[in-house]
């Protein structure tokens, strides 16, 4: 097991990494603004759950294989970008989902949860991040490296849930205020669409 000092240091750095502007937290905020707190929370929880796949990859060494294969890395990169692009196109085609709260149809939270999971799981950069990040805080002298990396990964997910949840709640409050002005709905959806498409392009062109 990692020492307490190691866990605290890892937690501090993880919080800074999660707070730094990136695709996941920007999409959580965008979903909350466009569809309310529930959608943002579900999307954020999906992103956090998606980290489980990257932790498994890093722990089992699969991410090392991805890094060693440019073709496989490119394939995952394009798959993640395609998913973000699809989300952006869907948002641009929407007629504006914001409406007064009393008339707003309920949105299945399972759909946003799945969307967040896929968006995170298909991002190869996150897999490579965990591959480089987790071993830095693992010490062979303290026992199984696999167990240590698993514990560190769960710590990362726990703080991600708290931070993304806070972001979703804060953005959802703003979305509630905007919902009183339905004419802003289409423009907010378009803004989210442009955001998703921009993130997709960034994922493709960023080395």
Protein backbone atom coordinates (compact mmCIF):
# COMPACT_ATOMS: atom_id res chain seq x y z
CA UNK A 1 0.00 0.00 0.00
CA UNK A 2 1.24 3.56 -0.67
CA UNK A 3 2.30 5.54 2.39
CA UNK A 4 0.12 8.34 3.75
CA UNK A 5 2.59 10.98 2.55
CA UNK A 6 2.52 9.47 -0.93
CA UNK A 7 -1.28 9.41 -0.98
CA UNK A 8 -1.52 13.04 0.12
CA UNK A 9 1.00 14.16 -2.48
CA UNK A 10 -0.79 12.15 -5.16
CA UNK A 11 -4.15 13.60 -4.11
CA UNK A 12 -2.85 17.18 -4.28
CA UNK A 13 -1.44 16.74 -7.76
CA UNK A 14 -4.56 14.88 -8.91
CA UNK A 15 -6.78 17.77 -7.81
CA UNK A 16 -4.66 20.23 -9.80
CA UNK A 17 -4.78 17.97 -12.86
CA UNK A 18 -8.57 17.62 -12.63
CA UNK A 19 -9.10 21.35 -12.17
CA UNK A 20 -6.93 22.22 -15.17
CA UNK A 21 -9.10 23.07 -18.21
CA UNK A 22 -9.53 19.98 -20.35
CA UNK A 23 -12.10 18.09 -22.43
CA UNK A 24 -13.78 16.30 -19.52
CA UNK A 25 -14.43 19.21 -17.18
CA UNK A 26 -15.39 21.51 -20.05
CA UNK A 27 -17.92 18.96 -21.26
CA UNK A 28 -19.33 18.53 -17.74
CA UNK A 29 -19.88 22.28 -17.51
CA UNK A 30 -21.36 22.38 -21.01
CA UNK A 31 -23.82 19.58 -20.26
CA UNK A 32 -24.92 21.26 -17.02
CA UNK A 33 -25.46 24.58 -18.75
CA UNK A 34 -27.44 23.06 -21.58
CA UNK A 35 -29.43 20.37 -19.80
CA UNK A 36 -29.28 21.05 -16.07
CA UNK A 37 -27.50 19.69 -13.02
CA UNK A 38 -28.71 16.13 -13.41
CA UNK A 39 -27.26 15.80 -16.91
CA UNK A 40 -23.97 17.39 -15.86
CA UNK A 41 -23.67 15.17 -12.79
CA UNK A 42 -24.39 12.03 -14.82
CA UNK A 43 -21.90 13.04 -17.50
CA UNK A 44 -19.26 13.78 -14.85
CA UNK A 45 -19.84 10.45 -13.13
CA UNK A 46 -19.50 8.77 -16.53
CA UNK A 47 -16.15 10.47 -17.07
CA UNK A 48 -15.00 9.34 -13.63
CA UNK A 49 -16.11 5.78 -14.38
CA UNK A 50 -14.24 5.95 -17.67
CA UNK A 51 -11.04 6.39 -15.70
CA UNK A 52 -11.45 2.80 -14.53
CA UNK A 53 -10.60 1.59 -18.03
CA UNK A 54 -7.40 3.66 -18.12
CA UNK A 55 -6.39 2.51 -14.64
CA UNK A 56 -6.84 -1.09 -15.74
CA UNK A 57 -4.79 -0.43 -18.86
CA UNK A 58 -1.99 1.21 -16.91
CA UNK A 59 -2.03 -1.47 -14.23
CA UNK A 60 -1.91 -4.32 -16.73
CA UNK A 61 0.58 -2.60 -19.02
CA UNK A 62 -1.79 -2.40 -21.98
CA UNK A 63 -1.23 1.33 -22.33
CA UNK A 64 2.45 0.60 -22.94
CA UNK A 65 1.46 -1.46 -25.97
CA UNK A 66 -0.70 1.41 -27.23
CA UNK A 67 2.18 3.83 -26.85
CA UNK A 68 4.51 1.49 -28.71
CA UNK A 69 2.08 1.17 -31.64
CA UNK A 70 1.59 4.45 -33.52
CA UNK A 71 -1.16 2.91 -35.66
CA UNK A 72 -3.16 1.72 -32.64
CA UNK A 73 -2.68 5.04 -30.87
CA UNK A 74 -3.87 6.90 -33.96
CA UNK A 75 -6.90 4.63 -34.20
CA UNK A 76 -7.94 5.29 -30.60
CA UNK A 77 -7.26 8.97 -31.05
CA UNK A 78 -9.50 9.17 -34.11
CA UNK A 79 -12.22 7.13 -32.37
CA UNK A 80 -12.25 9.56 -29.45
CA UNK A 81 -12.30 12.54 -31.78
CA UNK A 82 -15.17 11.00 -33.78
CA UNK A 83 -17.22 10.58 -30.60
CA UNK A 84 -16.69 14.22 -29.60
CA UNK A 85 -17.50 15.31 -33.14
CA UNK A 86 -20.76 13.34 -33.03
CA UNK A 87 -21.71 14.99 -29.74
CA UNK A 88 -20.99 18.40 -31.25
CA UNK A 89 -23.07 17.76 -34.37
CA UNK A 90 -25.97 16.53 -32.23
CA UNK A 91 -25.81 19.70 -30.15
CA UNK A 92 -25.68 21.93 -33.25
CA UNK A 93 -28.72 20.17 -34.72
CA UNK A 94 -30.71 20.65 -31.53
CA UNK A 95 -33.40 23.28 -31.66
CA UNK A 96 -32.53 24.47 -28.19
CA UNK A 97 -33.17 22.31 -25.18
CA UNK A 98 -33.45 25.08 -22.64
CA UNK A 99 -36.99 25.80 -21.58
CA UNK A 100 -38.65 27.00 -18.40
CA UNK A 101 -38.06 24.37 -15.72
CA UNK A 102 -41.73 23.45 -15.43
CA UNK A 103 -41.86 22.49 -19.13
CA UNK A 104 -38.45 20.88 -19.45
CA UNK A 105 -38.80 17.15 -20.30
CA UNK A 106 -36.93 14.73 -18.11
CA UNK A 107 -33.65 13.63 -19.68
CA UNK A 108 -32.56 10.02 -19.04
CA UNK A 109 -29.51 10.27 -16.80
CA UNK A 110 -28.29 6.87 -18.04
CA UNK A 111 -27.68 8.35 -21.49
CA UNK A 112 -25.49 11.14 -20.14
CA UNK A 113 -23.68 8.65 -17.91
CA UNK A 114 -22.89 6.47 -20.92
CA UNK A 115 -21.83 9.46 -23.02
CA UNK A 116 -19.41 10.60 -20.34
CA UNK A 117 -17.99 7.11 -19.96
CA UNK A 118 -17.38 6.67 -23.68
CA UNK A 119 -15.94 10.18 -24.10
CA UNK A 120 -13.37 9.48 -21.39
CA UNK A 121 -12.66 5.84 -22.23
CA UNK A 122 -11.93 6.66 -25.90
CA UNK A 123 -9.36 9.32 -25.05
CA UNK A 124 -5.92 7.68 -25.45
CA UNK A 125 -4.21 10.68 -23.87
CA UNK A 126 -5.85 9.83 -20.55
CA UNK A 127 -4.54 6.26 -20.83
CA UNK A 128 -1.01 7.49 -21.47
CA UNK A 129 -1.35 10.01 -18.64
CA UNK A 130 -2.13 7.24 -16.16
CA UNK A 131 0.69 5.13 -17.57
CA UNK A 132 3.15 7.93 -16.83
CA UNK A 133 1.48 9.24 -13.66
CA UNK A 134 0.70 6.20 -11.49
CA UNK A 135 4.18 4.61 -11.50
CA UNK A 136 5.66 7.86 -10.15
CA UNK A 137 3.91 7.20 -6.84
CA UNK A 138 4.45 3.44 -6.68
CA UNK A 139 7.30 1.89 -4.70
CA UNK A 140 8.26 -1.79 -5.15
CA UNK A 141 9.51 -1.82 -1.56
CA UNK A 142 5.95 -1.33 -0.31
CA UNK A 143 4.54 -4.44 -1.94
CA UNK A 144 2.56 -5.20 -5.06
CA UNK A 145 2.84 -2.47 -7.68
CA UNK A 146 -0.48 -3.56 -9.15
CA UNK A 147 -2.25 -3.03 -5.81
CA UNK A 148 -0.55 0.32 -5.27
CA UNK A 149 -1.54 1.59 -8.70
CA UNK A 150 -5.09 0.38 -8.18
CA UNK A 151 -5.35 2.27 -4.88
CA UNK A 152 -3.92 5.42 -6.45
CA UNK A 153 -6.35 5.10 -9.33
CA UNK A 154 -9.31 4.84 -6.98
CA UNK A 155 -8.09 7.95 -5.13
CA UNK A 156 -7.95 9.78 -8.45
CA UNK A 157 -11.49 8.71 -9.30
CA UNK A 158 -12.81 9.76 -5.87
CA UNK A 159 -11.49 13.31 -6.17
CA UNK A 160 -12.71 13.45 -9.78
CA UNK A 161 -16.25 12.63 -8.63
CA UNK A 162 -16.17 15.43 -6.04
CA UNK A 163 -14.73 18.05 -8.39
CA UNK A 164 -16.86 17.20 -11.41
CA UNK A 165 -19.92 17.04 -9.18
CA UNK A 166 -19.19 20.52 -7.82
CA UNK A 167 -18.66 21.85 -11.34
CA UNK A 168 -21.94 20.33 -12.51
CA UNK A 169 -23.89 21.81 -9.60
CA UNK A 170 -22.40 25.27 -10.07
CA UNK A 171 -22.95 25.27 -13.83
CA UNK A 172 -26.44 23.84 -13.36
CA UNK A 173 -27.39 26.82 -11.24
CA UNK A 174 -26.34 29.13 -14.04
CA UNK A 175 -28.29 26.97 -16.46
CA UNK A 176 -31.37 27.34 -14.28
CA UNK A 177 -31.14 31.10 -14.54
CA UNK A 178 -30.67 30.94 -18.30
CA UNK A 179 -33.64 28.60 -18.59
CA UNK A 180 -35.91 31.51 -17.67
CA UNK A 181 -34.97 33.00 -21.05
CA UNK A 182 -35.87 30.26 -23.58
CA UNK A 183 -34.59 32.25 -26.56
CA UNK A 184 -31.06 31.63 -25.32
CA UNK A 185 -31.56 27.86 -25.61
CA UNK A 186 -30.58 27.39 -29.27
CA UNK A 187 -27.53 29.59 -28.85
CA UNK A 188 -26.39 27.70 -25.78
CA UNK A 189 -26.74 24.39 -27.61
CA UNK A 190 -24.72 25.83 -30.50
CA UNK A 191 -22.07 26.95 -28.05
CA UNK A 192 -21.86 23.42 -26.62
CA UNK A 193 -21.71 22.02 -30.15
CA UNK A 194 -18.82 24.28 -31.12
CA UNK A 195 -17.09 23.32 -27.84
CA UNK A 196 -17.38 19.59 -28.57
CA UNK A 197 -16.22 19.98 -32.17
CA UNK A 198 -13.30 22.15 -31.07
CA UNK A 199 -12.25 19.53 -28.53
CA UNK A 200 -12.45 16.86 -31.23
CA UNK A 201 -10.18 18.87 -33.54
CA UNK A 202 -7.79 19.54 -30.67
CA UNK A 203 -7.58 15.81 -29.94
CA UNK A 204 -6.72 15.12 -33.59
CA UNK A 205 -4.10 17.81 -34.16
CA UNK A 206 -2.45 17.91 -30.71
CA UNK A 207 0.67 15.75 -30.59
